[in-house]
Amino acid sequence: RDMVAIITGDYTNYADSVKGRFTISRDNAKNTVFLQMNSLKPEDTA
């Protein structure tokens, strides 16, 4: 199991393999975190 993306406050951290393609965001009012994944590749299957 590998890290993809983490958000803490305003700080985000991404795995090198997803940088520029994935975006993590957080809606604290809804207690929800999102991961927008674009330009998906077969190796993203998991």
All heavy atoms as atom14 arrays in JSON, in Angstrom:
{
  "sequence": "RDMVAIITGDYTNYADSVKGRFTISRDNAKNTVFLQMNSLKPEDTA",
  "atom14_mask": [
    [1, 1, 1, 1, 1, 1, 1, 1, 1, 1, 1, 0, 0, 0],
    [1, 1, 1, 1, 1, 1, 1, 1, 0, 0, 0, 0, 0, 0],
    [1, 1, 1, 1, 1, 1, 1, 1, 0, 0, 0, 0, 0, 0],
    [1, 1, 1, 1, 1, 1, 1, 0, 0, 0, 0, 0, 0, 0],
    [1, 1, 1, 1, 1, 0, 0, 0, 0, 0, 0, 0, 0, 0],
    [1, 1, 1, 1, 1, 1, 1, 1, 0, 0, 0, 0, 0, 0],
    [1, 1, 1, 1, 1, 1, 1, 1, 0, 0, 0, 0, 0, 0],
    [1, 1, 1, 1, 1, 1, 1, 0, 0, 0, 0, 0, 0, 0],
    [1, 1, 1, 1, 0, 0, 0, 0, 0, 0, 0, 0, 0, 0],
    [1, 1, 1, 1, 1, 1, 1, 1, 0, 0, 0, 0, 0, 0],
    [1, 1, 1, 1, 1, 1, 1, 1, 1, 1, 1, 1, 0, 0],
    [1, 1, 1, 1, 1, 1, 1, 0, 0, 0, 0, 0, 0, 0],
    [1, 1, 1, 1, 1, 1, 1, 1, 0, 0, 0, 0, 0, 0],
    [1, 1, 1, 1, 1, 1, 1, 1, 1, 1, 1, 1, 0, 0],
    [1, 1, 1, 1, 1, 0, 0, 0, 0, 0, 0, 0, 0, 0],
    [1, 1, 1, 1, 1, 1, 1, 1, 0, 0, 0, 0, 0, 0],
    [1, 1, 1, 1, 1, 1, 0, 0, 0, 0, 0, 0, 0, 0],
    [1, 1, 1, 1, 1, 1, 1, 0, 0, 0, 0, 0, 0, 0],
    [1, 1, 1, 1, 1, 1, 1, 1, 1, 0, 0, 0, 0, 0],
    [1, 1, 1, 1, 0, 0, 0, 0, 0, 0, 0, 0, 0, 0],
    [1, 1, 1, 1, 1, 1, 1, 1, 1, 1, 1, 0, 0, 0],
    [1, 1, 1, 1, 1, 1, 1, 1, 1, 1, 1, 0, 0, 0],
    [1, 1, 1, 1, 1, 1, 1, 0, 0, 0, 0, 0, 0, 0],
    [1, 1, 1, 1, 1, 1, 1, 1, 0, 0, 0, 0, 0, 0],
    [1, 1, 1, 1, 1, 1, 0, 0, 0, 0, 0, 0, 0, 0],
    [1, 1, 1, 1, 1, 1, 1, 1, 1, 1, 1, 0, 0, 0],
    [1, 1, 1, 1, 1, 1, 1, 1, 0, 0, 0, 0, 0, 0],
    [1, 1, 1, 1, 1, 1, 1, 1, 0, 0, 0, 0, 0, 0],
    [1, 1, 1, 1, 1, 0, 0, 0, 0, 0, 0, 0, 0, 0],
    [1, 1, 1, 1, 1, 1, 1, 1, 1, 0, 0, 0, 0, 0],
    [1, 1, 1, 1, 1, 1, 1, 1, 0, 0, 0, 0, 0, 0],
    [1, 1, 1, 1, 1, 1, 1, 0, 0, 0, 0, 0, 0, 0],
    [1, 1, 1, 1, 1, 1, 1, 0, 0, 0, 0, 0, 0, 0],
    [1, 1, 1, 1, 1, 1, 1, 1, 1, 1, 1, 0, 0, 0],
    [1, 1, 1, 1, 1, 1, 1, 1, 0, 0, 0, 0, 0, 0],
    [1, 1, 1, 1, 1, 1, 1, 1, 1, 0, 0, 0, 0, 0],
    [1, 1, 1, 1, 1, 1, 1, 1, 0, 0, 0, 0, 0, 0],
    [1, 1, 1, 1, 1, 1, 1, 1, 0, 0, 0, 0, 0, 0],
    [1, 1, 1, 1, 1, 1, 0, 0, 0, 0, 0, 0, 0, 0],
    [1, 1, 1, 1, 1, 1, 1, 1, 0, 0, 0, 0, 0, 0],
    [1, 1, 1, 1, 1, 1, 1, 1, 1, 0, 0, 0, 0, 0],
    [1, 1, 1, 1, 1, 1, 1, 0, 0, 0, 0, 0, 0, 0],
    [1, 1, 1, 1, 1, 1, 1, 1, 1, 0, 0, 0, 0, 0],
    [1, 1, 1, 1, 1, 1, 1, 1, 0, 0, 0, 0, 0, 0],
    [1, 1, 1, 1, 1, 1, 1, 0, 0, 0, 0, 0, 0, 0],
    [1, 1, 1, 1, 1, 0, 0, 0, 0, 0, 0, 0, 0, 0]
  ],
  "atom14_positions": [
    [[0.85, -1.18, 0.0], [0.0, 0.0, 0.0], [0.89, 1.24, 0.0], [1.74, 1.4, 0.86], [-0.91, -0.01, 1.22], [-1.98, 1.06, 1.2], [-2.94, 0.9, 2.39], [-3.7, -0.35, 2.33], [-4.69, -0.64, 3.16], [-5.06, 0.24, 4.08], [-5.31, -1.79, 3.07], [0.0, 0.0, 0.0], [0.0, 0.0, 0.0], [0.0, 0.0, 0.0]],
    [[0.68, 2.12, -0.96], [1.53, 3.29, -1.13], [0.73, 4.58, -0.99], [-0.44, 4.65, -1.4], [2.2, 3.28, -2.51], [3.23, 2.19, -2.66], [3.92, 1.89, -1.67], [3.34, 1.64, -3.77], [0.0, 0.0, 0.0], [0.0, 0.0, 0.0], [0.0, 0.0, 0.0], [0.0, 0.0, 0.0], [0.0, 0.0, 0.0], [0.0, 0.0, 0.0]],
    [[1.38, 5.61, -0.49], [0.76, 6.92, -0.38], [0.53, 7.5, -1.77], [1.41, 7.42, -2.65], [1.64, 7.85, 0.44], [1.03, 9.21, 0.78], [1.24, 10.47, -0.5], [3.0, 10.77, -0.39], [0.0, 0.0, 0.0], [0.0, 0.0, 0.0], [0.0, 0.0, 0.0], [0.0, 0.0, 0.0], [0.0, 0.0, 0.0], [0.0, 0.0, 0.0]],
    [[-0.64, 8.11, -1.96], [-0.95, 8.8, -3.2], [-0.92, 10.3, -2.99], [-0.24, 11.04, -3.69], [-2.33, 8.37, -3.74], [-2.7, 9.17, -4.98], [-2.36, 6.88, -4.02], [0.0, 0.0, 0.0], [0.0, 0.0, 0.0], [0.0, 0.0, 0.0], [0.0, 0.0, 0.0], [0.0, 0.0, 0.0], [0.0, 0.0, 0.0], [0.0, 0.0, 0.0]],
    [[-1.69, 10.76, -1.99], [-1.76, 12.19, -1.71], [-2.26, 12.4, -0.28], [-3.13, 11.65, 0.19], [-2.7, 12.89, -2.69], [0.0, 0.0, 0.0], [0.0, 0.0, 0.0], [0.0, 0.0, 0.0], [0.0, 0.0, 0.0], [0.0, 0.0, 0.0], [0.0, 0.0, 0.0], [0.0, 0.0, 0.0], [0.0, 0.0, 0.0], [0.0, 0.0, 0.0]],
    [[-1.68, 13.41, 0.38], [-2.04, 13.74, 1.76], [-2.24, 15.25, 1.84], [-1.5, 16.01, 1.2], [-0.94, 13.31, 2.74], [-0.76, 11.79, 2.73], [-1.26, 13.78, 4.16], [-1.88, 11.0, 3.34], [0.0, 0.0, 0.0], [0.0, 0.0, 0.0], [0.0, 0.0, 0.0], [0.0, 0.0, 0.0], [0.0, 0.0, 0.0], [0.0, 0.0, 0.0]],
    [[-3.23, 15.67, 2.63], [-3.44, 17.09, 2.88], [-3.52, 17.32, 4.38], [-4.23, 16.62, 5.1], [-4.7, 17.62, 2.16], [-4.84, 19.12, 2.36], [-5.95, 16.87, 2.56], [-5.87, 19.76, 1.43], [0.0, 0.0, 0.0], [0.0, 0.0, 0.0], [0.0, 0.0, 0.0], [0.0, 0.0, 0.0], [0.0, 0.0, 0.0], [0.0, 0.0, 0.0]],
    [[-2.74, 18.32, 4.84], [-2.74, 18.72, 6.24], [-2.75, 20.25, 6.26], [-1.78, 20.86, 5.82], [-1.5, 18.2, 6.97], [-1.36, 16.79, 6.76], [-1.61, 18.47, 8.47], [0.0, 0.0, 0.0], [0.0, 0.0, 0.0], [0.0, 0.0, 0.0], [0.0, 0.0, 0.0], [0.0, 0.0, 0.0], [0.0, 0.0, 0.0], [0.0, 0.0, 0.0]],
    [[-3.83, 20.84, 6.75], [-3.94, 22.28, 6.65], [-3.89, 22.7, 5.2], [-4.63, 22.18, 4.36], [0.0, 0.0, 0.0], [0.0, 0.0, 0.0], [0.0, 0.0, 0.0], [0.0, 0.0, 0.0], [0.0, 0.0, 0.0], [0.0, 0.0, 0.0], [0.0, 0.0, 0.0], [0.0, 0.0, 0.0], [0.0, 0.0, 0.0], [0.0, 0.0, 0.0]],
    [[-2.98, 23.6, 4.87], [-2.8, 24.04, 3.48], [-1.69, 23.29, 2.76], [-1.37, 23.59, 1.61], [-2.48, 25.54, 3.45], [-3.65, 26.4, 3.93], [-4.81, 25.98, 3.73], [-3.4, 27.47, 4.5], [0.0, 0.0, 0.0], [0.0, 0.0, 0.0], [0.0, 0.0, 0.0], [0.0, 0.0, 0.0], [0.0, 0.0, 0.0], [0.0, 0.0, 0.0]],
    [[-1.11, 22.31, 3.42], [0.02, 21.58, 2.86], [-0.45, 20.31, 2.18], [-1.24, 19.55, 2.75], [1.02, 21.23, 3.96], [2.15, 20.37, 3.51], [3.21, 20.9, 2.79], [2.17, 19.01, 3.81], [4.25, 20.1, 2.37], [3.21, 18.19, 3.39], [4.25, 18.74, 2.67], [5.27, 17.96, 2.25], [0.0, 0.0, 0.0], [0.0, 0.0, 0.0]],
    [[0.02, 20.09, 0.96], [-0.29, 18.86, 0.25], [0.99, 18.14, -0.15], [2.02, 18.78, -0.4], [-1.12, 19.13, -1.01], [-0.42, 20.05, -1.86], [-2.47, 19.72, -0.67], [0.0, 0.0, 0.0], [0.0, 0.0, 0.0], [0.0, 0.0, 0.0], [0.0, 0.0, 0.0], [0.0, 0.0, 0.0], [0.0, 0.0, 0.0], [0.0, 0.0, 0.0]],
    [[0.91, 16.84, -0.21], [2.05, 16.03, -0.6], [1.54, 14.95, -1.56], [0.52, 14.3, -1.29], [2.7, 15.38, 0.63], [3.98, 14.66, 0.28], [4.7, 15.06, -0.63], [4.27, 13.59, 0.99], [0.0, 0.0, 0.0], [0.0, 0.0, 0.0], [0.0, 0.0, 0.0], [0.0, 0.0, 0.0], [0.0, 0.0, 0.0], [0.0, 0.0, 0.0]],
    [[2.24, 14.76, -2.66], [1.83, 13.8, -3.68], [2.95, 12.81, -3.98], [4.13, 13.16, -3.95], [1.48, 14.5, -4.99], [0.27, 15.41, -4.91], [0.42, 16.76, -4.64], [-1.0, 14.92, -5.15], [-0.68, 17.6, -4.57], [-2.12, 15.75, -5.1], [-1.94, 17.09, -4.81], [-3.04, 17.92, -4.76], [0.0, 0.0, 0.0], [0.0, 0.0, 0.0]],
    [[2.55, 11.6, -4.32], [3.52, 10.66, -4.87], [4.01, 11.2, -6.21], [3.25, 11.82, -6.96], [2.87, 9.3, -5.06], [0.0, 0.0, 0.0], [0.0, 0.0, 0.0], [0.0, 0.0, 0.0], [0.0, 0.0, 0.0], [0.0, 0.0, 0.0], [0.0, 0.0, 0.0], [0.0, 0.0, 0.0], [0.0, 0.0, 0.0], [0.0, 0.0, 0.0]],
    [[5.27, 10.95, -6.52], [5.84, 11.45, -7.77], [5.03, 10.96, -8.98], [4.88, 11.68, -9.97], [7.29, 11.0, -7.91], [8.22, 11.75, -6.97], [7.83, 12.82, -6.47], [9.34, 11.27, -6.74], [0.0, 0.0, 0.0], [0.0, 0.0, 0.0], [0.0, 0.0, 0.0], [0.0, 0.0, 0.0], [0.0, 0.0, 0.0], [0.0, 0.0, 0.0]],
    [[4.51, 9.75, -8.89], [3.82, 9.14, -10.03], [2.5, 9.82, -10.37], [1.97, 9.6, -11.47], [3.58, 7.66, -9.76], [2.78, 7.49, -8.59], [0.0, 0.0, 0.0], [0.0, 0.0, 0.0], [0.0, 0.0, 0.0], [0.0, 0.0, 0.0], [0.0, 0.0, 0.0], [0.0, 0.0, 0.0], [0.0, 0.0, 0.0], [0.0, 0.0, 0.0]],
    [[1.96, 10.64, -9.46], [0.66, 11.27, -9.71], [0.74, 12.79, -9.79], [-0.27, 13.44, -10.08], [-0.39, 10.86, -8.66], [-0.47, 9.35, -8.55], [-0.12, 11.49, -7.31], [0.0, 0.0, 0.0], [0.0, 0.0, 0.0], [0.0, 0.0, 0.0], [0.0, 0.0, 0.0], [0.0, 0.0, 0.0], [0.0, 0.0, 0.0], [0.0, 0.0, 0.0]],
    [[1.9, 13.36, -9.52], [2.05, 14.82, -9.55], [1.66, 15.36, -10.92], [2.07, 14.83, -11.95], [3.49, 15.21, -9.21], [3.82, 15.1, -7.75], [5.27, 15.52, -7.47], [5.6, 15.4, -5.99], [7.02, 15.71, -5.71], [0.0, 0.0, 0.0], [0.0, 0.0, 0.0], [0.0, 0.0, 0.0], [0.0, 0.0, 0.0], [0.0, 0.0, 0.0]],
    [[0.88, 16.41, -10.9], [0.43, 17.03, -12.14], [-0.81, 16.4, -12.73], [-1.41, 16.95, -13.66], [0.0, 0.0, 0.0], [0.0, 0.0, 0.0], [0.0, 0.0, 0.0], [0.0, 0.0, 0.0], [0.0, 0.0, 0.0], [0.0, 0.0, 0.0], [0.0, 0.0, 0.0], [0.0, 0.0, 0.0], [0.0, 0.0, 0.0], [0.0, 0.0, 0.0]],
    [[-1.22, 15.25, -12.2], [-2.43, 14.57, -12.7], [-3.53, 14.5, -11.65], [-4.71, 14.57, -11.98], [-2.08, 13.15, -13.16], [-1.05, 13.09, -14.27], [-0.89, 11.67, -14.82], [-0.42, 10.73, -13.8], [-1.08, 9.63, -13.44], [-2.24, 9.32, -14.01], [-0.57, 8.82, -12.53], [0.0, 0.0, 0.0], [0.0, 0.0, 0.0], [0.0, 0.0, 0.0]],
    [[-3.16, 14.31, -10.38], [-4.11, 14.17, -9.29], [-4.1, 15.44, -8.44], [-3.04, 16.07, -8.26], [-3.76, 12.99, -8.4], [-3.94, 11.63, -9.04], [-4.18, 11.48, -10.39], [-3.86, 10.49, -8.24], [-4.33, 10.23, -10.97], [-4.02, 9.23, -8.8], [-4.24, 9.1, -10.16], [0.0, 0.0, 0.0], [0.0, 0.0, 0.0], [0.0, 0.0, 0.0]],
    [[-5.26, 15.78, -7.89], [-5.38, 16.91, -6.98], [-6.2, 16.51, -5.77], [-7.33, 16.02, -5.92], [-6.05, 18.11, -7.67], [-5.3, 18.47, -8.84], [-6.1, 19.31, -6.73], [0.0, 0.0, 0.0], [0.0, 0.0, 0.0], [0.0, 0.0, 0.0], [0.0, 0.0, 0.0], [0.0, 0.0, 0.0], [0.0, 0.0, 0.0], [0.0, 0.0, 0.0]],
    [[-5.64, 16.73, -4.59], [-6.36, 16.45, -3.35], [-6.93, 17.75, -2.81], [-6.3, 18.81, -2.92], [-5.44, 15.76, -2.31], [-6.27, 15.27, -1.12], [-4.3, 16.67, -1.87], [-5.49, 14.37, -0.17], [0.0, 0.0, 0.0], [0.0, 0.0, 0.0], [0.0, 0.0, 0.0], [0.0, 0.0, 0.0], [0.0, 0.0, 0.0], [0.0, 0.0, 0.0]],
    [[-8.15, 17.67, -2.26], [-8.77, 18.84, -1.65], [-9.61, 18.38, -0.48], [-9.89, 17.18, -0.32], [-9.61, 19.61, -2.67], [-10.65, 18.79, -3.17], [0.0, 0.0, 0.0], [0.0, 0.0, 0.0], [0.0, 0.0, 0.0], [0.0, 0.0, 0.0], [0.0, 0.0, 0.0], [0.0, 0.0, 0.0], [0.0, 0.0, 0.0], [0.0, 0.0, 0.0]],
    [[-10.02, 19.35, 0.31], [-10.71, 19.01, 1.56], [-11.79, 20.04, 1.81], [-11.57, 21.25, 1.65], [-9.68, 19.03, 2.69], [-10.1, 18.52, 4.03], [-8.83, 18.33, 4.87], [-9.14, 17.89, 6.21], [-8.23, 17.5, 7.09], [-6.95, 17.49, 6.75], [-8.57, 17.13, 8.29], [0.0, 0.0, 0.0], [0.0, 0.0, 0.0], [0.0, 0.0, 0.0]],
    [[-12.97, 19.57, 2.19], [-14.08, 20.42, 2.57], [-14.36, 20.15, 4.04], [-15.04, 19.18, 4.4], [-15.31, 20.12, 1.7], [-16.45, 21.08, 1.96], [-16.51, 21.68, 3.06], [-17.31, 21.22, 1.09], [0.0, 0.0, 0.0], [0.0, 0.0, 0.0], [0.0, 0.0, 0.0], [0.0, 0.0, 0.0], [0.0, 0.0, 0.0], [0.0, 0.0, 0.0]],
    [[-13.82, 20.99, 4.91], [-13.95, 20.75, 6.34], [-15.4, 20.87, 6.81], [-15.81, 20.18, 7.75], [-13.05, 21.72, 7.12], [-11.59, 21.41, 6.92], [-11.16, 20.26, 6.95], [-10.8, 22.45, 6.69], [0.0, 0.0, 0.0], [0.0, 0.0, 0.0], [0.0, 0.0, 0.0], [0.0, 0.0, 0.0], [0.0, 0.0, 0.0], [0.0, 0.0, 0.0]],
    [[-16.18, 21.7, 6.16], [-17.58, 21.86, 6.55], [-18.38, 20.57, 6.32], [-19.35, 20.29, 7.02], [-18.21, 23.01, 5.77], [0.0, 0.0, 0.0], [0.0, 0.0, 0.0], [0.0, 0.0, 0.0], [0.0, 0.0, 0.0], [0.0, 0.0, 0.0], [0.0, 0.0, 0.0], [0.0, 0.0, 0.0], [0.0, 0.0, 0.0], [0.0, 0.0, 0.0]],
    [[-17.94, 19.78, 5.33], [-18.62, 18.53, 5.0], [-17.85, 17.31, 5.48], [-18.25, 16.17, 5.17], [-18.86, 18.44, 3.5], [-19.79, 19.53, 2.97], [-20.03, 19.36, 1.47], [-20.97, 20.43, 0.95], [-21.21, 20.3, -0.51], [0.0, 0.0, 0.0], [0.0, 0.0, 0.0], [0.0, 0.0, 0.0], [0.0, 0.0, 0.0], [0.0, 0.0, 0.0]],
    [[-16.75, 17.53, 6.2], [-15.93, 16.41, 6.72], [-15.53, 15.47, 5.59], [-15.56, 14.24, 5.76], [-16.69, 15.63, 7.8], [-17.19, 16.51, 8.92], [-16.53, 17.48, 9.29], [-18.36, 16.2, 9.44], [0.0, 0.0, 0.0], [0.0, 0.0, 0.0], [0.0, 0.0, 0.0], [0.0, 0.0, 0.0], [0.0, 0.0, 0.0], [0.0, 0.0, 0.0]],
    [[-15.16, 16.02, 4.45], [-14.9, 15.22, 3.27], [-13.58, 15.61, 2.62], [-13.24, 16.8, 2.58], [-16.05, 15.39, 2.25], [-17.28, 14.99, 2.86], [-15.83, 14.51, 1.02], [0.0, 0.0, 0.0], [0.0, 0.0, 0.0], [0.0, 0.0, 0.0], [0.0, 0.0, 0.0], [0.0, 0.0, 0.0], [0.0, 0.0, 0.0], [0.0, 0.0, 0.0]],
    [[-12.87, 14.6, 2.14], [-11.67, 14.83, 1.36], [-11.89, 14.23, -0.03], [-12.55, 13.2, -0.16], [-10.41, 14.24, 2.04], [-10.5, 12.74, 2.15], [-9.15, 14.67, 1.32], [0.0, 0.0, 0.0], [0.0, 0.0, 0.0], [0.0, 0.0, 0.0], [0.0, 0.0, 0.0], [0.0, 0.0, 0.0], [0.0, 0.0, 0.0], [0.0, 0.0, 0.0]],
    [[-11.37, 14.91, -1.03], [-11.57, 14.5, -2.42], [-10.23, 14.2, -3.09], [-9.2, 14.77, -2.71], [-12.27, 15.62, -3.2], [-13.58, 16.05, -2.61], [-13.65, 17.16, -1.79], [-14.75, 15.35, -2.88], [-14.85, 17.58, -1.24], [-15.96, 15.76, -2.34], [-16.0, 16.87, -1.52], [0.0, 0.0, 0.0], [0.0, 0.0, 0.0], [0.0, 0.0, 0.0]],
    [[-10.29, 13.36, -4.1], [-9.12, 13.14, -4.95], [-9.59, 13.21, -6.4], [-10.29, 12.31, -6.87], [-8.47, 11.79, -4.67], [-7.17, 11.54, -5.42], [-6.07, 12.5, -4.93], [-6.71, 10.09, -5.28], [0.0, 0.0, 0.0], [0.0, 0.0, 0.0], [0.0, 0.0, 0.0], [0.0, 0.0, 0.0], [0.0, 0.0, 0.0], [0.0, 0.0, 0.0]],
    [[-9.23, 14.29, -7.07], [-9.54, 14.44, -8.5], [-8.41, 13.8, -9.29], [-7.25, 14.21, -9.14], [-9.68, 15.91, -8.88], [-9.95, 16.14, -10.36], [-11.3, 15.61, -10.79], [-12.3, 15.78, -10.09], [-11.34, 14.94, -11.94], [0.0, 0.0, 0.0], [0.0, 0.0, 0.0], [0.0, 0.0, 0.0], [0.0, 0.0, 0.0], [0.0, 0.0, 0.0]],
    [[-8.74, 12.8, -10.08], [-7.74, 12.04, -10.83], [-7.96, 12.26, -12.31], [-9.01, 11.87, -12.85], [-7.83, 10.55, -10.48], [-7.71, 10.27, -9.0], [-7.66, 8.51, -8.61], [-9.3, 8.0, -9.12], [0.0, 0.0, 0.0], [0.0, 0.0, 0.0], [0.0, 0.0, 0.0], [0.0, 0.0, 0.0], [0.0, 0.0, 0.0], [0.0, 0.0, 0.0]],
    [[-7.01, 12.89, -12.96], [-7.07, 13.15, -14.39], [-5.97, 12.4, -15.12], [-5.0, 11.94, -14.5], [-6.93, 14.65, -14.66], [-8.03, 15.47, -14.05], [-9.18, 15.02, -13.91], [-7.72, 16.7, -13.67], [0.0, 0.0, 0.0], [0.0, 0.0, 0.0], [0.0, 0.0, 0.0], [0.0, 0.0, 0.0], [0.0, 0.0, 0.0], [0.0, 0.0, 0.0]],
    [[-6.12, 12.28, -16.42], [-5.11, 11.61, -17.26], [-4.75, 10.25, -16.67], [-3.57, 9.9, -16.55], [-3.86, 12.49, -17.4], [-4.18, 13.74, -17.95], [0.0, 0.0, 0.0], [0.0, 0.0, 0.0], [0.0, 0.0, 0.0], [0.0, 0.0, 0.0], [0.0, 0.0, 0.0], [0.0, 0.0, 0.0], [0.0, 0.0, 0.0], [0.0, 0.0, 0.0]],
    [[-5.76, 9.49, -16.34], [-5.53, 8.2, -15.69], [-4.82, 7.23, -16.62], [-5.03, 7.24, -17.84], [-6.85, 7.61, -15.21], [-7.38, 8.25, -13.92], [-8.87, 7.97, -13.74], [-6.6, 7.73, -12.71], [0.0, 0.0, 0.0], [0.0, 0.0, 0.0], [0.0, 0.0, 0.0], [0.0, 0.0, 0.0], [0.0, 0.0, 0.0], [0.0, 0.0, 0.0]],
    [[-3.98, 6.41, -16.01], [-3.19, 5.41, -16.73], [-3.51, 4.02, -16.19], [-3.94, 3.88, -15.04], [-1.7, 5.68, -16.52], [-1.24, 7.08, -16.9], [0.23, 7.28, -16.52], [0.69, 8.69, -16.86], [2.13, 8.89, -16.48], [0.0, 0.0, 0.0], [0.0, 0.0, 0.0], [0.0, 0.0, 0.0], [0.0, 0.0, 0.0], [0.0, 0.0, 0.0]],
    [[-3.29, 2.99, -16.99], [-3.54, 1.63, -16.49], [-2.8, 1.33, -15.19], [-3.31, 0.59, -14.34], [-3.05, 0.74, -17.64], [-3.26, 1.57, -18.86], [-2.95, 2.98, -18.44], [0.0, 0.0, 0.0], [0.0, 0.0, 0.0], [0.0, 0.0, 0.0], [0.0, 0.0, 0.0], [0.0, 0.0, 0.0], [0.0, 0.0, 0.0], [0.0, 0.0, 0.0]],
    [[-1.62, 1.9, -15.02], [-0.86, 1.65, -13.79], [-1.45, 2.33, -12.57], [-0.98, 2.11, -11.45], [0.61, 2.07, -13.97], [0.82, 3.48, -14.51], [1.04, 3.5, -16.02], [0.31, 2.78, -16.75], [1.93, 4.25, -16.46], [0.0, 0.0, 0.0], [0.0, 0.0, 0.0], [0.0, 0.0, 0.0], [0.0, 0.0, 0.0], [0.0, 0.0, 0.0]],
    [[-2.49, 3.13, -12.75], [-3.21, 3.71, -11.62], [-4.25, 2.74, -11.06], [-4.87, 3.02, -10.03], [-3.92, 5.0, -12.02], [-2.95, 6.11, -12.39], [-1.94, 6.29, -11.68], [-3.21, 6.82, -13.39], [0.0, 0.0, 0.0], [0.0, 0.0, 0.0], [0.0, 0.0, 0.0], [0.0, 0.0, 0.0], [0.0, 0.0, 0.0], [0.0, 0.0, 0.0]],
    [[-4.45, 1.62, -11.73], [-5.41, 0.62, -11.28], [-5.01, 0.09, -9.91], [-3.89, -0.38, -9.71], [-5.5, -0.53, -12.29], [-6.04, -0.03, -13.52], [-6.4, -1.64, -11.77], [0.0, 0.0, 0.0], [0.0, 0.0, 0.0], [0.0, 0.0, 0.0], [0.0, 0.0, 0.0], [0.0, 0.0, 0.0], [0.0, 0.0, 0.0], [0.0, 0.0, 0.0]],
    [[-5.95, 0.18, -8.96], [-5.68, -0.24, -7.58], [-6.95, -0.05, -6.75], [-7.91, 0.55, -7.21], [-4.54, 0.58, -6.98], [0.0, 0.0, 0.0], [0.0, 0.0, 0.0], [0.0, 0.0, 0.0], [0.0, 0.0, 0.0], [0.0, 0.0, 0.0], [0.0, 0.0, 0.0], [0.0, 0.0, 0.0], [0.0, 0.0, 0.0], [0.0, 0.0, 0.0]]
  ]
}
